[in-house]
Amino acid sequence: MAWNGTAWELSNAVAPGNNEVLTWDATLNAANGGWKSAALPAGLSISGTTNYLSKFNAAGTNIEDSQIFDDGTNVGIGTAAPLSKLSVNGGVAVGTYAGTDAAPANGLILSGSLGIGTASPGYKIDISGATPGIRLLDAGSNFRTHIG
């Protein structure tokens, strides 16, 4: 197979054998590449679990599961049962805190401003909407205070 500038042309096409992939040279000419073994390089192993994104291990010698789970609809980090577009099990650091400070366990640490109902917060916490108030409850779900 060779690229003629506008389309791929089959010439002297040979069917691949088992575990072979089509390769080509820098000019996209498969005649100089051809069907090559798709066997893993010596010392490399691949394992994984359905729906987990793969990654190389710390030594760079094997491919294994990461902490990211994708069920085709939702993505989970630290969870294999994401119920939202993004579900995170554990602490999350956002902004300049990411990589410099640890988030509280199952909590959130955010640098910058937080906008709820607004894409351009003008304050550290900016809440906009038909009912922009804040209600605070204690651990027993007892009403303590209301702002707004």
N, C-alpha and C. Protein backbone atom coordinates (compact mmCIF):
# COMPACT_ATOMS: atom_id res chain seq x y z
N MET A 1 0.85 -1.15 0.00
CA MET A 1 0.00 0.00 0.00
C MET A 1 0.91 1.22 0.00
N ALA A 2 0.56 2.21 -0.82
CA ALA A 2 1.34 3.44 -0.90
C ALA A 2 0.41 4.62 -1.11
N TRP A 3 0.79 5.76 -0.60
CA TRP A 3 0.03 7.00 -0.76
C TRP A 3 0.47 7.66 -2.06
N ASN A 4 -0.48 7.93 -2.95
CA ASN A 4 -0.12 8.53 -4.23
C ASN A 4 -0.29 10.04 -4.23
N GLY A 5 -0.54 10.61 -3.07
CA GLY A 5 -0.73 12.05 -2.95
C GLY A 5 -2.18 12.42 -2.70
N THR A 6 -3.10 11.57 -3.15
CA THR A 6 -4.53 11.84 -2.93
C THR A 6 -5.26 10.64 -2.35
N ALA A 7 -4.71 9.44 -2.51
CA ALA A 7 -5.40 8.24 -2.01
C ALA A 7 -4.39 7.13 -1.78
N TRP A 8 -4.78 6.13 -0.97
CA TRP A 8 -3.95 4.95 -0.76
C TRP A 8 -4.14 4.00 -1.93
N GLU A 9 -3.06 3.46 -2.45
CA GLU A 9 -3.12 2.48 -3.53
C GLU A 9 -2.59 1.15 -3.04
N LEU A 10 -3.29 0.08 -3.38
CA LEU A 10 -2.83 -1.26 -3.05
C LEU A 10 -2.03 -1.80 -4.22
N SER A 11 -0.83 -2.18 -3.97
CA SER A 11 -0.01 -2.80 -5.01
C SER A 11 0.74 -3.95 -4.36
N ASN A 12 0.72 -5.08 -5.01
CA ASN A 12 1.35 -6.27 -4.46
C ASN A 12 0.87 -6.52 -3.03
N ALA A 13 -0.43 -6.30 -2.79
CA ALA A 13 -0.98 -6.44 -1.45
C ALA A 13 -0.82 -7.87 -0.94
N VAL A 14 -0.36 -7.97 0.25
CA VAL A 14 -0.20 -9.26 0.91
C VAL A 14 -1.00 -9.20 2.20
N ALA A 15 -1.80 -10.21 2.45
CA ALA A 15 -2.60 -10.24 3.67
C ALA A 15 -1.69 -10.40 4.88
N PRO A 16 -2.07 -9.79 5.99
CA PRO A 16 -1.25 -9.91 7.20
C PRO A 16 -1.36 -11.30 7.80
N GLY A 17 -0.33 -11.67 8.54
CA GLY A 17 -0.36 -12.90 9.32
C GLY A 17 -0.94 -12.59 10.68
N ASN A 18 -0.97 -13.56 11.55
CA ASN A 18 -1.46 -13.34 12.91
C ASN A 18 -0.55 -12.38 13.65
N ASN A 19 -1.16 -11.49 14.42
CA ASN A 19 -0.42 -10.53 15.25
C ASN A 19 0.54 -9.67 14.46
N GLU A 20 0.13 -9.20 13.29
CA GLU A 20 0.95 -8.30 12.50
C GLU A 20 0.22 -6.99 12.29
N VAL A 21 1.00 -5.91 12.17
CA VAL A 21 0.47 -4.58 11.89
C VAL A 21 1.15 -4.03 10.66
N LEU A 22 0.45 -3.15 9.94
CA LEU A 22 1.01 -2.54 8.74
C LEU A 22 1.89 -1.37 9.13
N THR A 23 3.10 -1.34 8.64
CA THR A 23 4.02 -0.24 8.90
C THR A 23 4.41 0.40 7.58
N TRP A 24 4.94 1.62 7.63
CA TRP A 24 5.39 2.29 6.43
C TRP A 24 6.55 3.18 6.77
N ASP A 25 7.22 3.65 5.73
CA ASP A 25 8.41 4.48 5.94
C ASP A 25 8.00 5.95 6.06
N ALA A 26 8.98 6.83 6.14
CA ALA A 26 8.73 8.25 6.33
C ALA A 26 7.98 8.89 5.17
N THR A 27 8.01 8.27 4.00
CA THR A 27 7.28 8.80 2.84
C THR A 27 5.90 8.16 2.71
N LEU A 28 5.46 7.46 3.76
CA LEU A 28 4.17 6.78 3.81
C LEU A 28 4.07 5.67 2.77
N ASN A 29 5.18 5.04 2.47
CA ASN A 29 5.21 3.94 1.52
C ASN A 29 5.27 2.63 2.30
N ALA A 30 4.17 1.88 2.24
CA ALA A 30 4.12 0.62 2.98
C ALA A 30 5.03 -0.44 2.37
N ALA A 31 5.40 -0.26 1.10
CA ALA A 31 6.28 -1.26 0.46
C ALA A 31 7.63 -1.30 1.16
N ASN A 32 8.05 -0.17 1.74
CA ASN A 32 9.32 -0.12 2.46
C ASN A 32 9.13 -0.47 3.93
N GLY A 33 7.90 -0.59 4.35
CA GLY A 33 7.60 -1.00 5.72
C GLY A 33 7.05 -2.41 5.67
N GLY A 34 5.74 -2.50 5.43
CA GLY A 34 5.10 -3.80 5.28
C GLY A 34 4.54 -4.32 6.58
N TRP A 35 4.13 -5.59 6.55
CA TRP A 35 3.54 -6.22 7.73
C TRP A 35 4.65 -6.65 8.68
N LYS A 36 4.56 -6.19 9.90
CA LYS A 36 5.57 -6.50 10.92
C LYS A 36 4.88 -7.14 12.13
N SER A 37 5.64 -7.90 12.87
CA SER A 37 5.11 -8.55 14.06
C SER A 37 4.65 -7.51 15.08
N ALA A 38 3.49 -7.75 15.66
CA ALA A 38 2.97 -6.85 16.68
C ALA A 38 3.29 -7.36 18.08
N ALA A 39 4.21 -8.26 18.18
CA ALA A 39 4.59 -8.82 19.48
C ALA A 39 5.17 -7.72 20.37
N LEU A 40 4.93 -7.84 21.65
CA LEU A 40 5.47 -6.87 22.60
C LEU A 40 6.99 -6.99 22.68
N PRO A 41 7.66 -5.88 22.89
CA PRO A 41 9.10 -5.94 23.09
C PRO A 41 9.43 -6.81 24.31
N ALA A 42 10.59 -7.40 24.31
CA ALA A 42 11.02 -8.24 25.42
C ALA A 42 10.98 -7.47 26.73
N GLY A 43 10.43 -8.08 27.76
CA GLY A 43 10.38 -7.47 29.08
C GLY A 43 9.17 -6.61 29.34
N LEU A 44 8.33 -6.36 28.33
CA LEU A 44 7.14 -5.53 28.51
C LEU A 44 5.92 -6.42 28.63
N SER A 45 5.09 -6.14 29.61
CA SER A 45 3.84 -6.88 29.75
C SER A 45 2.69 -5.89 29.86
N ILE A 46 1.53 -6.33 29.43
CA ILE A 46 0.33 -5.49 29.47
C ILE A 46 -0.75 -6.25 30.21
N SER A 47 -1.35 -5.59 31.18
CA SER A 47 -2.51 -6.15 31.84
C SER A 47 -3.45 -5.00 32.12
N GLY A 48 -4.70 -5.32 32.37
CA GLY A 48 -5.63 -4.24 32.65
C GLY A 48 -7.01 -4.76 32.95
N THR A 49 -7.82 -3.85 33.43
CA THR A 49 -9.20 -4.14 33.77
C THR A 49 -10.10 -3.30 32.89
N THR A 50 -11.18 -3.89 32.42
CA THR A 50 -12.11 -3.20 31.54
C THR A 50 -12.51 -1.85 32.12
N ASN A 51 -12.49 -0.82 31.27
CA ASN A 51 -12.91 0.56 31.55
C ASN A 51 -11.89 1.38 32.33
N TYR A 52 -10.78 0.80 32.78
CA TYR A 52 -9.74 1.60 33.42
C TYR A 52 -8.76 2.09 32.36
N LEU A 53 -8.38 3.36 32.41
CA LEU A 53 -7.37 3.87 31.50
C LEU A 53 -6.03 3.27 31.90
N SER A 54 -5.24 2.94 30.90
CA SER A 54 -3.95 2.30 31.14
C SER A 54 -2.84 3.34 31.31
N LYS A 55 -1.79 2.90 31.99
CA LYS A 55 -0.60 3.75 32.16
C LYS A 55 0.61 2.84 32.34
N PHE A 56 1.80 3.39 32.12
CA PHE A 56 3.02 2.65 32.42
C PHE A 56 3.23 2.68 33.93
N ASN A 57 3.78 1.60 34.47
CA ASN A 57 4.12 1.59 35.89
C ASN A 57 5.31 2.52 36.13
N ALA A 58 5.68 2.71 37.39
CA ALA A 58 6.75 3.65 37.74
C ALA A 58 8.07 3.30 37.07
N ALA A 59 8.33 2.01 36.88
CA ALA A 59 9.59 1.59 36.25
C ALA A 59 9.54 1.74 34.72
N GLY A 60 8.34 1.95 34.17
CA GLY A 60 8.20 2.09 32.73
C GLY A 60 8.31 0.78 31.97
N THR A 61 8.15 -0.33 32.68
CA THR A 61 8.32 -1.63 32.03
C THR A 61 7.01 -2.35 31.74
N ASN A 62 5.93 -1.97 32.41
CA ASN A 62 4.65 -2.64 32.22
C ASN A 62 3.52 -1.63 32.11
N ILE A 63 2.47 -2.04 31.43
CA ILE A 63 1.27 -1.22 31.34
C ILE A 63 0.24 -1.82 32.28
N GLU A 64 -0.37 -0.95 33.10
CA GLU A 64 -1.31 -1.42 34.11
C GLU A 64 -2.45 -0.42 34.25
N ASP A 65 -3.38 -0.70 35.16
CA ASP A 65 -4.52 0.20 35.40
C ASP A 65 -4.07 1.49 36.06
N SER A 66 -4.72 2.58 35.69
CA SER A 66 -4.55 3.84 36.40
C SER A 66 -5.69 3.98 37.41
N GLN A 67 -5.80 5.13 38.03
CA GLN A 67 -6.90 5.39 38.96
C GLN A 67 -8.13 5.93 38.23
N ILE A 68 -8.03 6.10 36.90
CA ILE A 68 -9.12 6.71 36.13
C ILE A 68 -9.99 5.64 35.50
N PHE A 69 -11.28 5.70 35.78
CA PHE A 69 -12.27 4.74 35.29
C PHE A 69 -13.22 5.48 34.37
N ASP A 70 -13.48 4.93 33.18
CA ASP A 70 -14.36 5.55 32.20
C ASP A 70 -15.37 4.52 31.74
N ASP A 71 -16.65 4.72 32.09
CA ASP A 71 -17.67 3.75 31.69
C ASP A 71 -18.34 4.11 30.37
N GLY A 72 -17.81 5.11 29.67
CA GLY A 72 -18.38 5.54 28.40
C GLY A 72 -19.34 6.70 28.56
N THR A 73 -19.81 6.94 29.76
CA THR A 73 -20.71 8.05 30.05
C THR A 73 -20.13 8.95 31.14
N ASN A 74 -19.65 8.32 32.21
CA ASN A 74 -19.11 9.05 33.35
C ASN A 74 -17.67 8.63 33.60
N VAL A 75 -16.92 9.52 34.25
CA VAL A 75 -15.52 9.27 34.57
C VAL A 75 -15.35 9.29 36.09
N GLY A 76 -14.65 8.31 36.60
CA GLY A 76 -14.37 8.26 38.02
C GLY A 76 -12.88 8.30 38.29
N ILE A 77 -12.49 9.07 39.27
CA ILE A 77 -11.11 9.08 39.73
C ILE A 77 -11.14 8.54 41.15
N GLY A 78 -10.54 7.38 41.34
CA GLY A 78 -10.57 6.74 42.64
C GLY A 78 -11.86 5.98 42.91
N THR A 79 -12.72 5.85 41.91
CA THR A 79 -13.96 5.09 42.05
C THR A 79 -14.29 4.38 40.75
N ALA A 80 -14.81 3.17 40.86
CA ALA A 80 -15.21 2.40 39.67
C ALA A 80 -16.72 2.48 39.48
N ALA A 81 -17.38 3.38 40.20
CA ALA A 81 -18.83 3.53 40.08
C ALA A 81 -19.20 5.01 40.00
N PRO A 82 -18.71 5.73 38.97
CA PRO A 82 -19.02 7.16 38.87
C PRO A 82 -20.50 7.37 38.55
N LEU A 83 -21.17 8.22 39.31
CA LEU A 83 -22.59 8.50 39.10
C LEU A 83 -22.82 9.86 38.45
N SER A 84 -21.75 10.61 38.21
CA SER A 84 -21.82 11.92 37.57
C SER A 84 -20.80 11.95 36.44
N LYS A 85 -20.86 13.00 35.62
CA LYS A 85 -19.88 13.13 34.54
C LYS A 85 -18.46 13.01 35.07
N LEU A 86 -18.21 13.55 36.27
CA LEU A 86 -16.92 13.39 36.95
C LEU A 86 -17.18 13.10 38.41
N SER A 87 -16.77 11.94 38.88
CA SER A 87 -16.87 11.57 40.29
C SER A 87 -15.47 11.35 40.83
N VAL A 88 -15.16 12.00 41.95
CA VAL A 88 -13.84 11.89 42.54
C VAL A 88 -13.98 11.36 43.96
N ASN A 89 -13.28 10.29 44.26
CA ASN A 89 -13.24 9.74 45.61
C ASN A 89 -11.91 10.12 46.21
N GLY A 90 -11.90 11.12 47.08
CA GLY A 90 -10.67 11.61 47.68
C GLY A 90 -10.63 13.12 47.62
N GLY A 91 -9.55 13.70 48.08
CA GLY A 91 -9.41 15.14 48.08
C GLY A 91 -9.08 15.67 46.70
N VAL A 92 -9.48 16.93 46.45
CA VAL A 92 -9.24 17.58 45.16
C VAL A 92 -8.60 18.93 45.39
N ALA A 93 -7.49 19.19 44.73
CA ALA A 93 -6.83 20.49 44.76
C ALA A 93 -6.99 21.13 43.38
N VAL A 94 -7.45 22.39 43.36
CA VAL A 94 -7.72 23.08 42.11
C VAL A 94 -6.94 24.38 42.07
N GLY A 95 -6.40 24.71 40.91
CA GLY A 95 -5.67 25.96 40.74
C GLY A 95 -4.23 25.83 41.20
N THR A 96 -3.68 26.90 41.76
CA THR A 96 -2.27 26.90 42.14
C THR A 96 -1.98 25.95 43.30
N TYR A 97 -3.01 25.50 44.02
CA TYR A 97 -2.81 24.52 45.09
C TYR A 97 -2.44 23.14 44.53
N ALA A 98 -2.89 22.84 43.31
CA ALA A 98 -2.64 21.52 42.72
C ALA A 98 -1.13 21.30 42.63
N GLY A 99 -0.66 20.24 43.24
CA GLY A 99 0.75 19.90 43.20
C GLY A 99 1.59 20.58 44.26
N THR A 100 0.99 21.52 45.00
CA THR A 100 1.76 22.20 46.04
C THR A 100 1.18 21.97 47.43
N ASP A 101 -0.14 21.81 47.53
CA ASP A 101 -0.80 21.59 48.81
C ASP A 101 -1.76 20.42 48.70
N ALA A 102 -1.87 19.63 49.76
CA ALA A 102 -2.79 18.50 49.77
C ALA A 102 -4.19 18.97 50.19
N ALA A 103 -5.18 18.50 49.48
CA ALA A 103 -6.57 18.82 49.85
C ALA A 103 -6.95 18.02 51.09
N PRO A 104 -7.93 18.50 51.84
CA PRO A 104 -8.40 17.71 52.98
C PRO A 104 -8.99 16.39 52.49
N ALA A 105 -8.95 15.36 53.32
CA ALA A 105 -9.49 14.05 52.95
C ALA A 105 -10.95 14.22 52.51
N ASN A 106 -11.25 13.75 51.32
CA ASN A 106 -12.59 13.86 50.73
C ASN A 106 -13.10 15.30 50.71
N GLY A 107 -12.17 16.25 50.60
CA GLY A 107 -12.54 17.66 50.57
C GLY A 107 -11.97 18.35 49.34
N LEU A 108 -12.11 19.66 49.31
CA LEU A 108 -11.70 20.47 48.17
C LEU A 108 -10.90 21.66 48.66
N ILE A 109 -9.79 21.93 48.00
CA ILE A 109 -9.02 23.15 48.26
C ILE A 109 -8.95 23.88 46.92
N LEU A 110 -9.33 25.16 46.93
CA LEU A 110 -9.49 25.91 45.69
C LEU A 110 -8.74 27.22 45.80
N SER A 111 -7.90 27.50 44.81
CA SER A 111 -7.26 28.82 44.76
C SER A 111 -8.04 29.65 43.75
N GLY A 112 -8.11 30.94 43.99
CA GLY A 112 -8.89 31.79 43.10
C GLY A 112 -10.28 32.00 43.65
N SER A 113 -11.23 32.23 42.76
CA SER A 113 -12.60 32.53 43.15
C SER A 113 -13.53 31.39 42.77
N LEU A 114 -14.63 31.29 43.50
CA LEU A 114 -15.63 30.26 43.25
C LEU A 114 -16.91 30.94 42.77
N GLY A 115 -17.38 30.54 41.61
CA GLY A 115 -18.63 31.06 41.09
C GLY A 115 -19.69 29.98 41.11
N ILE A 116 -20.83 30.25 41.75
CA ILE A 116 -21.97 29.35 41.74
C ILE A 116 -23.09 30.09 41.01
N GLY A 117 -23.46 29.59 39.87
CA GLY A 117 -24.47 30.26 39.06
C GLY A 117 -23.92 31.42 38.25
N THR A 118 -22.60 31.56 38.22
CA THR A 118 -21.97 32.61 37.44
C THR A 118 -20.65 32.10 36.89
N ALA A 119 -20.33 32.50 35.66
CA ALA A 119 -19.08 32.09 35.03
C ALA A 119 -17.97 33.11 35.29
N SER A 120 -18.33 34.25 35.89
CA SER A 120 -17.31 35.27 36.14
C SER A 120 -17.48 35.84 37.55
N PRO A 121 -17.03 35.07 38.55
CA PRO A 121 -17.19 35.54 39.93
C PRO A 121 -16.38 36.81 40.18
N GLY A 122 -17.01 37.76 40.87
CA GLY A 122 -16.34 39.01 41.20
C GLY A 122 -15.82 39.04 42.62
N TYR A 123 -16.08 37.97 43.37
CA TYR A 123 -15.66 37.86 44.76
C TYR A 123 -15.06 36.48 44.98
N LYS A 124 -14.45 36.26 46.15
CA LYS A 124 -13.90 34.93 46.45
C LYS A 124 -14.97 33.86 46.33
N ILE A 125 -16.18 34.14 46.83
CA ILE A 125 -17.34 33.27 46.63
C ILE A 125 -18.45 34.17 46.09
N ASP A 126 -18.90 33.87 44.88
CA ASP A 126 -19.92 34.68 44.22
C ASP A 126 -21.06 33.77 43.82
N ILE A 127 -22.24 34.00 44.44
CA ILE A 127 -23.41 33.17 44.18
C ILE A 127 -24.46 34.02 43.48
N SER A 128 -24.91 33.57 42.31
CA SER A 128 -25.93 34.29 41.55
C SER A 128 -27.06 33.33 41.22
N GLY A 129 -28.26 33.86 41.09
CA GLY A 129 -29.41 33.05 40.72
C GLY A 129 -30.67 33.57 41.37
N ALA A 130 -31.79 32.89 41.12
CA ALA A 130 -33.08 33.30 41.65
C ALA A 130 -33.11 33.22 43.17
N THR A 131 -32.42 32.25 43.75
CA THR A 131 -32.33 32.11 45.21
C THR A 131 -30.86 31.99 45.59
N PRO A 132 -30.15 33.13 45.63
CA PRO A 132 -28.70 33.08 45.85
C PRO A 132 -28.27 32.96 47.29
N GLY A 133 -29.15 32.64 48.21
CA GLY A 133 -28.80 32.58 49.62
C GLY A 133 -27.97 31.37 49.98
N ILE A 134 -27.47 31.38 51.22
CA ILE A 134 -26.69 30.27 51.78
C ILE A 134 -27.40 29.83 53.06
N ARG A 135 -27.58 28.55 53.23
CA ARG A 135 -28.18 28.01 54.45
C ARG A 135 -27.14 27.12 55.11
N LEU A 136 -26.95 27.30 56.40
CA LEU A 136 -25.98 26.51 57.15
C LEU A 136 -26.71 25.59 58.12
N LEU A 137 -26.38 24.30 58.08
CA LEU A 137 -26.98 23.31 58.97
C LEU A 137 -25.89 22.69 59.83
N ASP A 138 -26.26 22.25 61.02
CA ASP A 138 -25.29 21.54 61.84
C ASP A 138 -25.30 20.05 61.46
N ALA A 139 -24.50 19.24 62.14
CA ALA A 139 -24.37 17.82 61.80
C ALA A 139 -25.69 17.06 61.90
N GLY A 140 -26.64 17.55 62.70
CA GLY A 140 -27.94 16.90 62.84
C GLY A 140 -28.97 17.47 61.87
N SER A 141 -28.51 18.21 60.85
CA SER A 141 -29.37 18.85 59.85
C SER A 141 -30.30 19.89 60.49
N ASN A 142 -29.89 20.46 61.61
CA ASN A 142 -30.66 21.51 62.25
C ASN A 142 -30.24 22.85 61.68
N PHE A 143 -31.22 23.66 61.33
CA PHE A 143 -30.97 24.97 60.74
C PHE A 143 -30.22 25.86 61.73
N ARG A 144 -29.17 26.50 61.30
CA ARG A 144 -28.39 27.37 62.18
C ARG A 144 -28.45 28.83 61.73
N THR A 145 -28.28 29.06 60.45
CA THR A 145 -28.31 30.45 59.98
C THR A 145 -28.60 30.47 58.49
N HIS A 146 -29.02 31.63 58.03
CA HIS A 146 -29.35 31.81 56.61
C HIS A 146 -28.79 33.15 56.19
N ILE A 147 -28.11 33.19 55.07
CA ILE A 147 -27.53 34.42 54.54
C ILE A 147 -28.21 34.69 53.19
N GLY A 148 -28.75 35.87 53.02
CA GLY A 148 -29.35 36.24 51.74
C GLY A 148 -30.84 36.13 51.70
